[in-house]
Amino acid sequence: MLGANHPHTLLTRQSLAGILSEQGRDGEAADEFRSVLASRIEVLGPDHPDTLNTRHNLAILLLKRGSYGEAADEYQSVLAAQIEALGPSHPNTLITRENLAIVLWKQGRRGEAADELRLALATRIEVLGPDHPDTLNTRHNLATLLLDRGSYGEAADEYQSVLVDLMEALGPNHPNTLRTRYSLATVYWNQGRRGEAADEYRSVLAARIEVLGPDHPDTLNTRHNLASVLSEQGRYGEAADELRSVLAAQIEALGPNHLTTVSTRRAIDLLAQRIATDDPRPTKQP
């Protein structure tokens, strides 16, 4: 018998918590993570790598559940311990810093989130170089935060810079490249550059159909945003055609009563009403 607090037992219990989370049983998963965490603090100490790993996993679950305050507390605690034990440039420390930035972002603390991302980015550039995939991902996340803050000029500059490096490193049709191109199109839309936005969305759509298939959620989101831009341009027939294509795919994949399907059906109804009044006001997809 190994006992309840044996490292192998705790590892198994942590794995169980992860499985519970994957099954959507988040409350049970959180209880299990907290129980494992208490045991690891007692047996290994609060700063042991295994203890910090459990705290990090608990924070991820809290973020998933929308418990942003608790998640932020856990990430900040883990980050402080990792900086002390591993140093500020260790990969695990950087992952925690970026996850903390996401929580702060979710809380509406965008300035603090941007500060954390910029710190992570500066470190990744120094350690990995500006073109490393992890560095490019951090740059993309920072640009997305700038977009969310309404800093469209800065966001466009950052996305364009990232895009050049992604095209060179991964090619034009890699999912990460397409993600950045989609986001850049969204910036153009927010800047009122509808022609450029529509062109970029069309290009991304063609690539996503080829790479991901016509019914992939990312493909459908691209079509939805393209339809909204077309509506703003007064191209109502094309917009309606795109939305109907999205709706048909969603009914097939998700069913007629799924929230996403219902939302698209509502968008079609609203577009019809606004065509009648010549007052189109589309809604962006994330």
C-alpha atoms as a PDB file:
ATOM      1  CA  MET A   1       0.000   0.000   0.000  1.00  0.00           C
ATOM      2  CA  LEU A   2       1.381   3.378  -0.997  1.00  0.00           C
ATOM      3  CA  GLY A   3      -0.828   5.596   1.129  1.00  0.00           C
ATOM      4  CA  ALA A   4      -2.968   8.627   0.313  1.00  0.00           C
ATOM      5  CA  ASN A   5      -0.040  11.060   0.186  1.00  0.00           C
ATOM      6  CA  HIS A   6       2.475   8.940  -1.709  1.00  0.00           C
ATOM      7  CA  PRO A   7       3.764  10.794  -4.807  1.00  0.00           C
ATOM      8  CA  HIS A   8       2.397   8.078  -7.124  1.00  0.00           C
ATOM      9  CA  THR A   9      -1.021   8.286  -5.482  1.00  0.00           C
ATOM     10  CA  LEU A  10      -1.062  12.077  -5.814  1.00  0.00           C
ATOM     11  CA  LEU A  11      -0.009  11.839  -9.454  1.00  0.00           C
ATOM     12  CA  THR A  12      -2.909   9.462 -10.122  1.00  0.00           C
ATOM     13  CA  ARG A  13      -5.347  11.740  -8.306  1.00  0.00           C
ATOM     14  CA  GLN A  14      -4.164  14.720 -10.332  1.00  0.00           C
ATOM     15  CA  SER A  15      -4.699  12.720 -13.519  1.00  0.00           C
ATOM     16  CA  LEU A  16      -8.196  11.873 -12.307  1.00  0.00           C
ATOM     17  CA  ALA A  17      -8.892  15.580 -11.757  1.00  0.00           C
ATOM     18  CA  GLY A  18      -7.823  16.273 -15.317  1.00  0.00           C
ATOM     19  CA  ILE A  19     -10.156  13.578 -16.640  1.00  0.00           C
ATOM     20  CA  LEU A  20     -13.055  14.969 -14.597  1.00  0.00           C
ATOM     21  CA  SER A  21     -12.407  18.395 -16.109  1.00  0.00           C
ATOM     22  CA  GLU A  22     -12.374  16.968 -19.641  1.00  0.00           C
ATOM     23  CA  GLN A  23     -15.738  15.343 -18.884  1.00  0.00           C
ATOM     24  CA  GLY A  24     -17.175  18.712 -17.874  1.00  0.00           C
ATOM     25  CA  ARG A  25     -17.356  17.745 -14.201  1.00  0.00           C
ATOM     26  CA  ASP A  26     -15.541  20.911 -13.198  1.00  0.00           C
ATOM     27  CA  GLY A  27     -16.768  21.070  -9.601  1.00  0.00           C
ATOM     28  CA  GLU A  28     -15.480  17.580  -8.844  1.00  0.00           C
ATOM     29  CA  ALA A  29     -12.255  18.332 -10.708  1.00  0.00           C
ATOM     30  CA  ALA A  30     -11.685  21.494  -8.658  1.00  0.00           C
ATOM     31  CA  ASP A  31     -12.273  19.593  -5.410  1.00  0.00           C
ATOM     32  CA  GLU A  32      -9.782  16.923  -6.474  1.00  0.00           C
ATOM     33  CA  PHE A  33      -7.150  19.473  -7.531  1.00  0.00           C
ATOM     34  CA  ARG A  34      -7.537  21.297  -4.205  1.00  0.00           C
ATOM     35  CA  SER A  35      -7.198  18.050  -2.256  1.00  0.00           C
ATOM     36  CA  VAL A  36      -4.060  17.078  -4.202  1.00  0.00           C
ATOM     37  CA  LEU A  37      -2.685  20.586  -3.722  1.00  0.00           C
ATOM     38  CA  ALA A  38      -3.161  20.445   0.056  1.00  0.00           C
ATOM     39  CA  SER A  39      -1.372  17.080   0.199  1.00  0.00           C
ATOM     40  CA  ARG A  40       1.488  18.224  -1.991  1.00  0.00           C
ATOM     41  CA  ILE A  41       1.990  21.368   0.073  1.00  0.00           C
ATOM     42  CA  GLU A  42       2.135  19.192   3.188  1.00  0.00           C
ATOM     43  CA  VAL A  43       4.422  16.515   1.734  1.00  0.00           C
ATOM     44  CA  LEU A  44       6.581  18.458  -0.751  1.00  0.00           C
ATOM     45  CA  GLY A  45       6.262  22.069   0.320  1.00  0.00           C
ATOM     46  CA  PRO A  46       4.601  25.029  -1.426  1.00  0.00           C
ATOM     47  CA  ASP A  47       7.390  25.694  -3.930  1.00  0.00           C
ATOM     48  CA  HIS A  48       8.081  22.165  -5.172  1.00  0.00           C
ATOM     49  CA  PRO A  49       7.648  21.841  -8.957  1.00  0.00           C
ATOM     50  CA  ASP A  50       4.886  19.246  -8.522  1.00  0.00           C
ATOM     51  CA  THR A  51       3.020  21.539  -6.132  1.00  0.00           C
ATOM     52  CA  LEU A  52       3.318  24.448  -8.535  1.00  0.00           C
ATOM     53  CA  ASN A  53       2.119  22.231 -11.374  1.00  0.00           C
ATOM     54  CA  THR A  54      -1.021  21.372  -9.393  1.00  0.00           C
ATOM     55  CA  ARG A  55      -1.643  25.038  -8.609  1.00  0.00           C
ATOM     56  CA  HIS A  56      -1.222  25.902 -12.263  1.00  0.00           C
ATOM     57  CA  ASN A  57      -3.710  23.215 -13.313  1.00  0.00           C
ATOM     58  CA  LEU A  58      -6.177  24.424 -10.689  1.00  0.00           C
ATOM     59  CA  ALA A  59      -5.804  27.967 -12.028  1.00  0.00           C
ATOM     60  CA  ILE A  60      -6.516  26.745 -15.582  1.00  0.00           C
ATOM     61  CA  LEU A  61      -9.707  25.097 -14.331  1.00  0.00           C
ATOM     62  CA  LEU A  62     -10.760  28.226 -12.441  1.00  0.00           C
ATOM     63  CA  LEU A  63     -10.196  30.264 -15.607  1.00  0.00           C
ATOM     64  CA  LYS A  64     -12.327  27.785 -17.551  1.00  0.00           C
ATOM     65  CA  ARG A  65     -15.116  28.110 -14.972  1.00  0.00           C
ATOM     66  CA  GLY A  66     -15.013  31.897 -15.090  1.00  0.00           C
ATOM     67  CA  SER A  67     -13.682  32.224 -11.532  1.00  0.00           C
ATOM     68  CA  TYR A  68     -11.286  34.927 -12.632  1.00  0.00           C
ATOM     69  CA  GLY A  69     -10.453  36.340  -9.204  1.00  0.00           C
ATOM     70  CA  GLU A  70      -9.439  32.956  -7.807  1.00  0.00           C
ATOM     71  CA  ALA A  71      -7.584  32.082 -11.014  1.00  0.00           C
ATOM     72  CA  ALA A  72      -5.639  35.358 -10.878  1.00  0.00           C
ATOM     73  CA  ASP A  73      -4.681  34.705  -7.250  1.00  0.00           C
ATOM     74  CA  GLU A  74      -3.400  31.218  -8.106  1.00  0.00           C
ATOM     75  CA  TYR A  75      -1.456  32.364 -11.154  1.00  0.00           C
ATOM     76  CA  GLN A  76       0.142  35.254  -9.254  1.00  0.00           C
ATOM     77  CA  SER A  77       1.168  32.906  -6.456  1.00  0.00           C
ATOM     78  CA  VAL A  78       2.587  30.351  -8.889  1.00  0.00           C
ATOM     79  CA  LEU A  79       4.376  33.071 -10.870  1.00  0.00           C
ATOM     80  CA  ALA A  80       6.102  34.478  -7.795  1.00  0.00           C
ATOM     81  CA  ALA A  81       7.284  31.002  -6.768  1.00  0.00           C
ATOM     82  CA  GLN A  82       8.474  30.135 -10.278  1.00  0.00           C
ATOM     83  CA  ILE A  83      10.434  33.373 -10.607  1.00  0.00           C
ATOM     84  CA  GLU A  84      12.136  32.536  -7.305  1.00  0.00           C
ATOM     85  CA  ALA A  85      12.783  28.863  -8.084  1.00  0.00           C
ATOM     86  CA  LEU A  86      13.218  28.759 -11.860  1.00  0.00           C
ATOM     87  CA  GLY A  87      13.966  32.339 -12.850  1.00  0.00           C
ATOM     88  CA  PRO A  88      11.919  34.783 -14.955  1.00  0.00           C
ATOM     89  CA  SER A  89      13.052  33.302 -18.281  1.00  0.00           C
ATOM     90  CA  HIS A  90      12.145  29.668 -17.657  1.00  0.00           C
ATOM     91  CA  PRO A  91       9.516  28.336 -20.118  1.00  0.00           C
ATOM     92  CA  ASN A  92       7.149  27.378 -17.286  1.00  0.00           C
ATOM     93  CA  THR A  93       7.421  30.868 -15.806  1.00  0.00           C
ATOM     94  CA  LEU A  94       6.595  32.428 -19.161  1.00  0.00           C
ATOM     95  CA  ILE A  95       3.579  30.163 -19.659  1.00  0.00           C
ATOM     96  CA  THR A  96       2.255  31.182 -16.246  1.00  0.00           C
ATOM     97  CA  ARG A  97       2.855  34.871 -16.966  1.00  0.00           C
ATOM     98  CA  GLU A  98       0.926  34.646 -20.232  1.00  0.00           C
ATOM     99  CA  ASN A  99      -1.925  32.745 -18.592  1.00  0.00           C
ATOM    100  CA  LEU A 100      -2.066  35.404 -15.887  1.00  0.00           C
ATOM    101  CA  ALA A 101      -2.322  38.011 -18.647  1.00  0.00           C
ATOM    102  CA  ILE A 102      -5.329  36.140 -20.074  1.00  0.00           C
ATOM    103  CA  VAL A 103      -7.067  36.168 -16.679  1.00  0.00           C
ATOM    104  CA  LEU A 104      -6.374  39.873 -16.201  1.00  0.00           C
ATOM    105  CA  TRP A 105      -7.715  40.457 -19.692  1.00  0.00           C
ATOM    106  CA  LYS A 106     -10.901  38.538 -18.838  1.00  0.00           C
ATOM    107  CA  GLN A 107     -11.283  40.703 -15.734  1.00  0.00           C
ATOM    108  CA  GLY A 108     -11.115  43.844 -17.842  1.00  0.00           C
ATOM    109  CA  ARG A 109      -7.708  44.755 -16.409  1.00  0.00           C
ATOM    110  CA  ARG A 110      -6.324  45.338 -19.889  1.00  0.00           C
ATOM    111  CA  GLY A 111      -3.451  47.603 -18.925  1.00  0.00           C
ATOM    112  CA  GLU A 112      -2.056  45.034 -16.491  1.00  0.00           C
ATOM    113  CA  ALA A 113      -2.622  42.273 -19.041  1.00  0.00           C
ATOM    114  CA  ALA A 114      -0.701  44.208 -21.679  1.00  0.00           C
ATOM    115  CA  ASP A 115       2.159  44.784 -19.228  1.00  0.00           C
ATOM    116  CA  GLU A 116       2.406  41.042 -18.498  1.00  0.00           C
ATOM    117  CA  LEU A 117       2.328  40.139 -22.199  1.00  0.00           C
ATOM    118  CA  ARG A 118       4.993  42.722 -23.010  1.00  0.00           C
ATOM    119  CA  LEU A 119       7.218  41.302 -20.269  1.00  0.00           C
ATOM    120  CA  ALA A 120       6.710  37.783 -21.611  1.00  0.00           C
ATOM    121  CA  LEU A 121       7.344  38.968 -25.156  1.00  0.00           C
ATOM    122  CA  ALA A 122      10.565  40.775 -24.281  1.00  0.00           C
ATOM    123  CA  THR A 123      11.833  37.663 -22.521  1.00  0.00           C
ATOM    124  CA  ARG A 124      10.861  35.344 -25.360  1.00  0.00           C
ATOM    125  CA  ILE A 125      12.600  37.582 -27.904  1.00  0.00           C
ATOM    126  CA  GLU A 126      15.737  37.597 -25.759  1.00  0.00           C
ATOM    127  CA  VAL A 127      15.750  33.842 -25.090  1.00  0.00           C
ATOM    128  CA  LEU A 128      14.176  32.359 -28.233  1.00  0.00           C
ATOM    129  CA  GLY A 129      14.479  35.090 -30.843  1.00  0.00           C
ATOM    130  CA  PRO A 130      11.796  37.140 -32.586  1.00  0.00           C
ATOM    131  CA  ASP A 131      10.768  34.423 -35.064  1.00  0.00           C
ATOM    132  CA  HIS A 132      10.333  31.450 -32.722  1.00  0.00           C
ATOM    133  CA  PRO A 133       6.764  30.026 -32.780  1.00  0.00           C
ATOM    134  CA  ASP A 134       6.290  30.768 -29.068  1.00  0.00           C
ATOM    135  CA  THR A 135       7.427  34.353 -29.598  1.00  0.00           C
ATOM    136  CA  LEU A 136       5.092  34.772 -32.563  1.00  0.00           C
ATOM    137  CA  ASN A 137       2.191  33.395 -30.522  1.00  0.00           C
ATOM    138  CA  THR A 138       2.873  35.943 -27.770  1.00  0.00           C
ATOM    139  CA  ARG A 139       3.047  38.731 -30.346  1.00  0.00           C
ATOM    140  CA  HIS A 140      -0.294  37.602 -31.759  1.00  0.00           C
ATOM    141  CA  ASN A 141      -1.846  37.603 -28.282  1.00  0.00           C
ATOM    142  CA  LEU A 142      -0.544  41.108 -27.605  1.00  0.00           C
ATOM    143  CA  ALA A 143      -2.015  42.321 -30.895  1.00  0.00           C
ATOM    144  CA  THR A 144      -5.345  40.741 -29.966  1.00  0.00           C
ATOM    145  CA  LEU A 145      -5.301  42.586 -26.656  1.00  0.00           C
ATOM    146  CA  LEU A 146      -4.591  45.846 -28.496  1.00  0.00           C
ATOM    147  CA  LEU A 147      -7.543  45.094 -30.795  1.00  0.00           C
ATOM    148  CA  ASP A 148      -9.762  44.463 -27.789  1.00  0.00           C
ATOM    149  CA  ARG A 149      -8.642  47.775 -26.260  1.00  0.00           C
ATOM    150  CA  GLY A 150      -9.559  49.618 -29.446  1.00  0.00           C
ATOM    151  CA  SER A 151      -5.933  50.449 -30.251  1.00  0.00           C
ATOM    152  CA  TYR A 152      -6.512  49.536 -33.879  1.00  0.00           C
ATOM    153  CA  GLY A 153      -3.454  51.186 -35.361  1.00  0.00           C
ATOM    154  CA  GLU A 154      -1.079  49.447 -32.956  1.00  0.00           C
ATOM    155  CA  ALA A 155      -2.951  46.162 -33.387  1.00  0.00           C
ATOM    156  CA  ALA A 156      -2.704  46.383 -37.180  1.00  0.00           C
ATOM    157  CA  ASP A 157       1.031  47.115 -37.013  1.00  0.00           C
ATOM    158  CA  GLU A 158       1.625  44.153 -34.688  1.00  0.00           C
ATOM    159  CA  TYR A 159      -0.513  41.729 -36.707  1.00  0.00           C
ATOM    160  CA  GLN A 160       1.182  42.792 -39.951  1.00  0.00           C
ATOM    161  CA  SER A 161       4.611  42.310 -38.403  1.00  0.00           C
ATOM    162  CA  VAL A 162       3.669  38.893 -37.030  1.00  0.00           C
ATOM    163  CA  LEU A 163       2.115  37.921 -40.338  1.00  0.00           C
ATOM    164  CA  VAL A 164       5.324  38.570 -42.276  1.00  0.00           C
ATOM    165  CA  ASP A 165       7.228  36.246 -39.946  1.00  0.00           C
ATOM    166  CA  LEU A 166       4.485  33.594 -39.934  1.00  0.00           C
ATOM    167  CA  MET A 167       4.362  33.542 -43.729  1.00  0.00           C
ATOM    168  CA  GLU A 168       8.122  33.044 -43.784  1.00  0.00           C
ATOM    169  CA  ALA A 169       8.221  30.424 -41.033  1.00  0.00           C
ATOM    170  CA  LEU A 170       5.003  28.473 -41.544  1.00  0.00           C
ATOM    171  CA  GLY A 171       3.590  29.399 -44.938  1.00  0.00           C
ATOM    172  CA  PRO A 172       0.424  31.253 -45.965  1.00  0.00           C
ATOM    173  CA  ASN A 173      -2.065  28.457 -45.174  1.00  0.00           C
ATOM    174  CA  HIS A 174      -0.844  27.305 -41.771  1.00  0.00           C
ATOM    175  CA  PRO A 175      -3.643  27.588 -39.154  1.00  0.00           C
ATOM    176  CA  ASN A 176      -1.597  30.084 -37.111  1.00  0.00           C
ATOM    177  CA  THR A 177      -1.004  32.225 -40.189  1.00  0.00           C
ATOM    178  CA  LEU A 178      -4.706  32.112 -41.062  1.00  0.00           C
ATOM    179  CA  ARG A 179      -5.616  33.060 -37.497  1.00  0.00           C
ATOM    180  CA  THR A 180      -3.479  36.192 -37.743  1.00  0.00           C
ATOM    181  CA  ARG A 181      -4.846  37.066 -41.199  1.00  0.00           C
ATOM    182  CA  TYR A 182      -8.396  36.694 -39.863  1.00  0.00           C
ATOM    183  CA  SER A 183      -7.577  38.978 -36.944  1.00  0.00           C
ATOM    184  CA  LEU A 184      -5.986  41.535 -39.269  1.00  0.00           C
ATOM    185  CA  ALA A 185      -9.170  41.544 -41.356  1.00  0.00           C
ATOM    186  CA  THR A 186     -11.120  42.235 -38.171  1.00  0.00           C
ATOM    187  CA  VAL A 187      -8.862  45.207 -37.425  1.00  0.00           C
ATOM    188  CA  TYR A 188      -9.478  46.571 -40.927  1.00  0.00           C
ATOM    189  CA  TRP A 189     -13.220  46.195 -40.340  1.00  0.00           C
ATOM    190  CA  ASN A 190     -13.030  48.101 -37.056  1.00  0.00           C
ATOM    191  CA  GLN A 191     -11.034  50.829 -38.802  1.00  0.00           C
ATOM    192  CA  GLY A 192     -13.776  51.194 -41.403  1.00  0.00           C
ATOM    193  CA  ARG A 193     -11.553  49.743 -44.152  1.00  0.00           C
ATOM    194  CA  ARG A 194     -14.358  47.493 -45.376  1.00  0.00           C
ATOM    195  CA  GLY A 195     -12.952  46.742 -48.820  1.00  0.00           C
ATOM    196  CA  GLU A 196      -9.663  45.515 -47.389  1.00  0.00           C
ATOM    197  CA  ALA A 197     -11.508  43.595 -44.668  1.00  0.00           C
ATOM    198  CA  ALA A 198     -13.737  41.840 -47.197  1.00  0.00           C
ATOM    199  CA  ASP A 199     -10.763  40.954 -49.413  1.00  0.00           C
ATOM    200  CA  GLU A 200      -8.823  39.520 -46.457  1.00  0.00           C
ATOM    201  CA  TYR A 201     -11.818  37.581 -45.136  1.00  0.00           C
ATOM    202  CA  ARG A 202     -12.402  36.108 -48.613  1.00  0.00           C
ATOM    203  CA  SER A 203      -8.771  35.054 -48.873  1.00  0.00           C
ATOM    204  CA  VAL A 204      -8.820  33.507 -45.393  1.00  0.00           C
ATOM    205  CA  LEU A 205     -12.123  31.796 -46.155  1.00  0.00           C
ATOM    206  CA  ALA A 206     -10.778  30.137 -49.291  1.00  0.00           C
ATOM    207  CA  ALA A 207      -7.717  28.907 -47.403  1.00  0.00           C
ATOM    208  CA  ARG A 208      -9.726  27.678 -44.411  1.00  0.00           C
ATOM    209  CA  ILE A 209     -12.114  25.764 -46.682  1.00  0.00           C
ATOM    210  CA  GLU A 210      -9.082  24.084 -48.252  1.00  0.00           C
ATOM    211  CA  VAL A 211      -7.200  23.416 -45.003  1.00  0.00           C
ATOM    212  CA  LEU A 212      -9.969  22.901 -42.432  1.00  0.00           C
ATOM    213  CA  GLY A 213     -12.999  22.097 -44.538  1.00  0.00           C
ATOM    214  CA  PRO A 214     -16.182  24.095 -45.198  1.00  0.00           C
ATOM    215  CA  ASP A 215     -17.912  23.172 -41.938  1.00  0.00           C
ATOM    216  CA  HIS A 216     -15.100  23.831 -39.449  1.00  0.00           C
ATOM    217  CA  PRO A 217     -16.074  26.452 -36.798  1.00  0.00           C
ATOM    218  CA  ASP A 218     -13.221  28.745 -37.865  1.00  0.00           C
ATOM    219  CA  THR A 219     -14.392  28.557 -41.485  1.00  0.00           C
ATOM    220  CA  LEU A 220     -17.965  29.351 -40.472  1.00  0.00           C
ATOM    221  CA  ASN A 221     -16.870  32.305 -38.297  1.00  0.00           C
ATOM    222  CA  THR A 222     -14.962  33.687 -41.272  1.00  0.00           C
ATOM    223  CA  ARG A 223     -18.046  33.408 -43.487  1.00  0.00           C
ATOM    224  CA  HIS A 224     -20.176  35.083 -40.825  1.00  0.00           C
ATOM    225  CA  ASN A 225     -17.831  38.055 -40.540  1.00  0.00           C
ATOM    226  CA  LEU A 226     -17.534  38.307 -44.316  1.00  0.00           C
ATOM    227  CA  ALA A 227     -21.328  38.438 -44.510  1.00  0.00           C
ATOM    228  CA  SER A 228     -21.411  41.259 -41.983  1.00  0.00           C
ATOM    229  CA  VAL A 229     -18.843  43.305 -43.901  1.00  0.00           C
ATOM    230  CA  LEU A 230     -20.757  42.739 -47.127  1.00  0.00           C
ATOM    231  CA  SER A 231     -23.895  43.951 -45.393  1.00  0.00           C
ATOM    232  CA  GLU A 232     -22.131  47.148 -44.309  1.00  0.00           C
ATOM    233  CA  GLN A 233     -21.093  47.649 -47.931  1.00  0.00           C
ATOM    234  CA  GLY A 234     -24.731  47.401 -48.978  1.00  0.00           C
ATOM    235  CA  ARG A 235     -24.180  44.049 -50.704  1.00  0.00           C
ATOM    236  CA  TYR A 236     -27.187  42.518 -48.968  1.00  0.00           C
ATOM    237  CA  GLY A 237     -27.809  39.642 -51.339  1.00  0.00           C
ATOM    238  CA  GLU A 238     -24.244  38.358 -51.018  1.00  0.00           C
ATOM    239  CA  ALA A 239     -24.400  38.786 -47.255  1.00  0.00           C
ATOM    240  CA  ALA A 240     -27.633  36.798 -47.042  1.00  0.00           C
ATOM    241  CA  ASP A 241     -26.162  34.021 -49.202  1.00  0.00           C
ATOM    242  CA  GLU A 242     -23.143  33.708 -46.910  1.00  0.00           C
ATOM    243  CA  LEU A 243     -25.294  33.602 -43.766  1.00  0.00           C
ATOM    244  CA  ARG A 244     -27.589  30.968 -45.266  1.00  0.00           C
ATOM    245  CA  SER A 245     -24.545  28.816 -46.080  1.00  0.00           C
ATOM    246  CA  VAL A 246     -23.342  29.199 -42.497  1.00  0.00           C
ATOM    247  CA  LEU A 247     -26.785  28.306 -41.151  1.00  0.00           C
ATOM    248  CA  ALA A 248     -27.061  25.169 -43.292  1.00  0.00           C
ATOM    249  CA  ALA A 249     -23.675  23.941 -42.078  1.00  0.00           C
ATOM    250  CA  GLN A 250     -24.513  24.692 -38.446  1.00  0.00           C
ATOM    251  CA  ILE A 251     -27.841  22.856 -38.645  1.00  0.00           C
ATOM    252  CA  GLU A 252     -26.014  19.841 -40.071  1.00  0.00           C
ATOM    253  CA  ALA A 253     -23.170  19.906 -37.568  1.00  0.00           C
ATOM    254  CA  LEU A 254     -24.802  21.259 -34.407  1.00  0.00           C
ATOM    255  CA  GLY A 255     -28.544  20.849 -34.856  1.00  0.00           C
ATOM    256  CA  PRO A 256     -31.255  23.475 -35.300  1.00  0.00           C
ATOM    257  CA  ASN A 257     -31.486  24.415 -31.621  1.00  0.00           C
ATOM    258  CA  HIS A 258     -27.815  24.958 -30.823  1.00  0.00           C
ATOM    259  CA  LEU A 259     -27.113  28.467 -29.541  1.00  0.00           C
ATOM    260  CA  THR A 260     -24.758  29.196 -32.429  1.00  0.00           C
ATOM    261  CA  THR A 261     -27.334  28.028 -34.962  1.00  0.00           C
ATOM    262  CA  VAL A 262     -30.047  30.096 -33.332  1.00  0.00           C
ATOM    263  CA  SER A 263     -27.743  33.138 -33.348  1.00  0.00           C
ATOM    264  CA  THR A 264     -27.104  32.792 -37.083  1.00  0.00           C
ATOM    265  CA  ARG A 265     -30.827  32.354 -37.814  1.00  0.00           C
ATOM    266  CA  ARG A 266     -31.469  35.524 -35.819  1.00  0.00           C
ATOM    267  CA  ALA A 267     -28.770  37.340 -37.828  1.00  0.00           C
ATOM    268  CA  ILE A 268     -30.534  36.334 -41.063  1.00  0.00           C
ATOM    269  CA  ASP A 269     -33.864  37.596 -39.735  1.00  0.00           C
ATOM    270  CA  LEU A 270     -32.303  40.875 -38.618  1.00  0.00           C
ATOM    271  CA  LEU A 271     -30.602  41.302 -41.980  1.00  0.00           C
ATOM    272  CA  ALA A 272     -33.949  40.835 -43.726  1.00  0.00           C
ATOM    273  CA  GLN A 273     -35.521  43.465 -41.481  1.00  0.00           C
ATOM    274  CA  ARG A 274     -32.655  45.874 -42.020  1.00  0.00           C
ATOM    275  CA  ILE A 275     -32.731  45.392 -45.772  1.00  0.00           C
ATOM    276  CA  ALA A 276     -36.339  46.514 -45.601  1.00  0.00           C
ATOM    277  CA  THR A 277     -35.366  49.636 -43.663  1.00  0.00           C
ATOM    278  CA  ASP A 278     -31.921  50.002 -45.316  1.00  0.00           C
ATOM    279  CA  ASP A 279     -30.328  50.013 -41.858  1.00  0.00           C
ATOM    280  CA  PRO A 280     -27.849  47.105 -41.691  1.00  0.00           C
ATOM    281  CA  ARG A 281     -26.013  46.805 -38.362  1.00  0.00           C
ATOM    282  CA  PRO A 282     -24.079  43.546 -38.410  1.00  0.00           C
ATOM    283  CA  THR A 283     -22.471  41.821 -35.471  1.00  0.00           C
ATOM    284  CA  LYS A 284     -18.884  40.585 -35.469  1.00  0.00           C
ATOM    285  CA  GLN A 285     -17.985  37.007 -34.602  1.00  0.00           C
ATOM    286  CA  PRO A 286     -15.036  36.589 -32.204  1.00  0.00           C
END
